[in-house]
Amino acid sequence: MKKMTAEELAQGQLEAYNNQDIETFCRYFSEDIRIYDAHSRELLFSGMDDFRSRYEKSFSNPALHCTLVNRMVQENIVIDQESVVGLRDGIVEAIAIYHTEDGLITEVYFY
């Protein structure tokens, strides 16, 4: 299989997220994935076991859906402006910055 571009990775994981397909979703991320709060630069969680566990909980909500508002791509970085329903009350507006390496997403920074 051909190694995916950063944009293909970001789009693929978004589609799997909206389908609430945990198996496909996790395939886009490295085993040592790191998720950060971009404001505080705090590491929120890392590693595939923790990643999978957290998203399995989110995927249990059938109302969960992320709409891509805007996307910017430069080399191995994708910046998505997103609007998410089903996480908390109302709509969550977020910016996600995906860093990719060797055909997988290795870090995500959420604003």
C-alpha atoms as a PDB file:
ATOM      1  CA  MET A   1       0.000   0.000   0.000  1.00  0.00           C
ATOM      2  CA  LYS A   2       1.284   3.470  -0.881  1.00  0.00           C
ATOM      3  CA  LYS A   3       2.261   5.740   1.974  1.00  0.00           C
ATOM      4  CA  MET A   4      -0.425   8.386   2.470  1.00  0.00           C
ATOM      5  CA  THR A   5       0.191  12.102   2.346  1.00  0.00           C
ATOM      6  CA  ALA A   6      -0.484  14.248   5.397  1.00  0.00           C
ATOM      7  CA  GLU A   7      -3.736  15.439   3.843  1.00  0.00           C
ATOM      8  CA  GLU A   8      -4.871  11.888   3.051  1.00  0.00           C
ATOM      9  CA  LEU A   9      -4.177  10.892   6.663  1.00  0.00           C
ATOM     10  CA  ALA A  10      -6.151  13.833   8.044  1.00  0.00           C
ATOM     11  CA  GLN A  11      -9.080  13.149   5.718  1.00  0.00           C
ATOM     12  CA  GLY A  12      -9.063   9.404   6.369  1.00  0.00           C
ATOM     13  CA  GLN A  13      -9.121   9.763  10.126  1.00  0.00           C
ATOM     14  CA  LEU A  14     -11.906  12.366   9.854  1.00  0.00           C
ATOM     15  CA  GLU A  15     -14.051   9.981   7.812  1.00  0.00           C
ATOM     16  CA  ALA A  16     -13.400   7.110  10.250  1.00  0.00           C
ATOM     17  CA  TYR A  17     -14.215   9.447  13.170  1.00  0.00           C
ATOM     18  CA  ASN A  18     -17.556  10.388  11.617  1.00  0.00           C
ATOM     19  CA  ASN A  19     -18.290   6.713  10.924  1.00  0.00           C
ATOM     20  CA  GLN A  20     -17.341   5.947  14.549  1.00  0.00           C
ATOM     21  CA  ASP A  21     -15.115   3.163  13.226  1.00  0.00           C
ATOM     22  CA  ILE A  22     -12.494   2.779  15.961  1.00  0.00           C
ATOM     23  CA  GLU A  23     -10.434   0.157  14.087  1.00  0.00           C
ATOM     24  CA  THR A  24     -10.040   2.239  10.934  1.00  0.00           C
ATOM     25  CA  PHE A  25      -9.624   5.453  12.938  1.00  0.00           C
ATOM     26  CA  CYS A  26      -6.689   4.058  14.932  1.00  0.00           C
ATOM     27  CA  ARG A  27      -4.879   2.880  11.781  1.00  0.00           C
ATOM     28  CA  TYR A  28      -4.117   6.502  10.866  1.00  0.00           C
ATOM     29  CA  PHE A  29      -2.136   7.101  14.071  1.00  0.00           C
ATOM     30  CA  SER A  30       1.263   5.890  15.257  1.00  0.00           C
ATOM     31  CA  GLU A  31       1.507   3.480  18.190  1.00  0.00           C
ATOM     32  CA  ASP A  32       3.163   6.240  20.224  1.00  0.00           C
ATOM     33  CA  ILE A  33       0.637   8.939  19.297  1.00  0.00           C
ATOM     34  CA  ARG A  34       0.796  12.059  21.472  1.00  0.00           C
ATOM     35  CA  ILE A  35      -2.183  14.388  22.010  1.00  0.00           C
ATOM     36  CA  TYR A  36      -1.602  17.906  23.368  1.00  0.00           C
ATOM     37  CA  ASP A  37      -3.596  20.854  24.632  1.00  0.00           C
ATOM     38  CA  ALA A  38      -2.037  23.477  22.365  1.00  0.00           C
ATOM     39  CA  HIS A  39      -2.855  26.377  24.695  1.00  0.00           C
ATOM     40  CA  SER A  40      -1.028  24.966  27.708  1.00  0.00           C
ATOM     41  CA  ARG A  41       1.300  22.666  25.733  1.00  0.00           C
ATOM     42  CA  GLU A  42       0.273  19.964  28.187  1.00  0.00           C
ATOM     43  CA  LEU A  43       0.474  16.360  27.035  1.00  0.00           C
ATOM     44  CA  LEU A  44      -3.096  15.118  27.475  1.00  0.00           C
ATOM     45  CA  PHE A  45      -2.437  11.459  26.696  1.00  0.00           C
ATOM     46  CA  SER A  46      -0.108   9.266  24.684  1.00  0.00           C
ATOM     47  CA  GLY A  47       0.176   5.764  23.310  1.00  0.00           C
ATOM     48  CA  MET A  48      -2.319   3.748  21.329  1.00  0.00           C
ATOM     49  CA  ASP A  49      -3.928   2.017  24.330  1.00  0.00           C
ATOM     50  CA  ASP A  50      -4.907   5.311  25.973  1.00  0.00           C
ATOM     51  CA  PHE A  51      -5.813   6.849  22.593  1.00  0.00           C
ATOM     52  CA  ARG A  52      -8.126   3.953  21.685  1.00  0.00           C
ATOM     53  CA  SER A  53      -9.763   3.905  25.116  1.00  0.00           C
ATOM     54  CA  ARG A  54     -10.561   7.621  25.038  1.00  0.00           C
ATOM     55  CA  TYR A  55     -11.996   7.543  21.520  1.00  0.00           C
ATOM     56  CA  GLU A  56     -14.031   4.393  22.156  1.00  0.00           C
ATOM     57  CA  LYS A  57     -15.852   6.387  24.861  1.00  0.00           C
ATOM     58  CA  SER A  58     -16.481   9.279  22.442  1.00  0.00           C
ATOM     59  CA  PHE A  59     -17.661   6.929  19.695  1.00  0.00           C
ATOM     60  CA  SER A  60     -20.347   5.519  22.006  1.00  0.00           C
ATOM     61  CA  ASN A  61     -22.330   8.729  21.360  1.00  0.00           C
ATOM     62  CA  PRO A  62     -24.310   8.291  18.099  1.00  0.00           C
ATOM     63  CA  ALA A  63     -24.654  12.099  17.799  1.00  0.00           C
ATOM     64  CA  LEU A  64     -20.872  12.551  17.481  1.00  0.00           C
ATOM     65  CA  HIS A  65     -19.942  14.272  14.216  1.00  0.00           C
ATOM     66  CA  CYS A  66     -17.115  16.533  13.072  1.00  0.00           C
ATOM     67  CA  THR A  67     -17.554  18.986  10.215  1.00  0.00           C
ATOM     68  CA  LEU A  68     -14.424  20.254   8.500  1.00  0.00           C
ATOM     69  CA  VAL A  69     -14.687  24.042   8.218  1.00  0.00           C
ATOM     70  CA  ASN A  70     -11.279  24.763   6.700  1.00  0.00           C
ATOM     71  CA  ARG A  71      -8.003  22.937   6.022  1.00  0.00           C
ATOM     72  CA  MET A  72      -4.441  24.084   5.438  1.00  0.00           C
ATOM     73  CA  VAL A  73      -1.617  21.740   4.461  1.00  0.00           C
ATOM     74  CA  GLN A  74       2.109  22.302   4.415  1.00  0.00           C
ATOM     75  CA  GLU A  75       4.435  19.364   3.926  1.00  0.00           C
ATOM     76  CA  ASN A  76       3.821  16.983   6.866  1.00  0.00           C
ATOM     77  CA  ILE A  77       1.457  19.269   8.817  1.00  0.00           C
ATOM     78  CA  VAL A  78      -2.310  19.627   8.433  1.00  0.00           C
ATOM     79  CA  ILE A  79      -4.294  22.316  10.234  1.00  0.00           C
ATOM     80  CA  ASP A  80      -8.023  21.674  10.393  1.00  0.00           C
ATOM     81  CA  GLN A  81     -10.670  24.057  11.655  1.00  0.00           C
ATOM     82  CA  GLU A  82     -13.452  21.825  12.936  1.00  0.00           C
ATOM     83  CA  SER A  83     -16.963  22.056  14.305  1.00  0.00           C
ATOM     84  CA  VAL A  84     -17.876  19.076  16.485  1.00  0.00           C
ATOM     85  CA  VAL A  85     -21.238  18.033  17.898  1.00  0.00           C
ATOM     86  CA  GLY A  86     -21.757  15.270  20.430  1.00  0.00           C
ATOM     87  CA  LEU A  87     -18.759  15.899  22.694  1.00  0.00           C
ATOM     88  CA  ARG A  88     -20.327  18.278  25.198  1.00  0.00           C
ATOM     89  CA  ASP A  89     -23.425  20.414  25.264  1.00  0.00           C
ATOM     90  CA  GLY A  90     -23.744  22.320  22.024  1.00  0.00           C
ATOM     91  CA  ILE A  91     -21.115  22.667  19.337  1.00  0.00           C
ATOM     92  CA  VAL A  92     -17.375  22.623  20.020  1.00  0.00           C
ATOM     93  CA  GLU A  93     -15.276  24.753  17.676  1.00  0.00           C
ATOM     94  CA  ALA A  94     -11.690  23.521  17.494  1.00  0.00           C
ATOM     95  CA  ILE A  95      -8.453  23.718  15.601  1.00  0.00           C
ATOM     96  CA  ALA A  96      -6.533  20.477  15.246  1.00  0.00           C
ATOM     97  CA  ILE A  97      -2.928  20.438  14.072  1.00  0.00           C
ATOM     98  CA  TYR A  98      -1.834  17.024  12.803  1.00  0.00           C
ATOM     99  CA  HIS A  99       1.880  16.225  12.530  1.00  0.00           C
ATOM    100  CA  THR A 100       2.680  13.250  10.350  1.00  0.00           C
ATOM    101  CA  GLU A 101       5.751  11.105   9.856  1.00  0.00           C
ATOM    102  CA  ASP A 102       6.330   7.932   7.839  1.00  0.00           C
ATOM    103  CA  GLY A 103       2.699   7.715   6.721  1.00  0.00           C
ATOM    104  CA  LEU A 104       1.078   8.060  10.180  1.00  0.00           C
ATOM    105  CA  ILE A 105      -0.165  10.860  12.429  1.00  0.00           C
ATOM    106  CA  THR A 106       2.329  11.152  15.287  1.00  0.00           C
ATOM    107  CA  GLU A 107       1.115  14.226  17.190  1.00  0.00           C
ATOM    108  CA  VAL A 108      -2.101  16.216  17.442  1.00  0.00           C
ATOM    109  CA  TYR A 109      -2.416  19.666  19.006  1.00  0.00           C
ATOM    110  CA  PHE A 110      -5.927  20.858  19.882  1.00  0.00           C
ATOM    111  CA  TYR A 111      -6.929  24.488  20.305  1.00  0.00           C
END
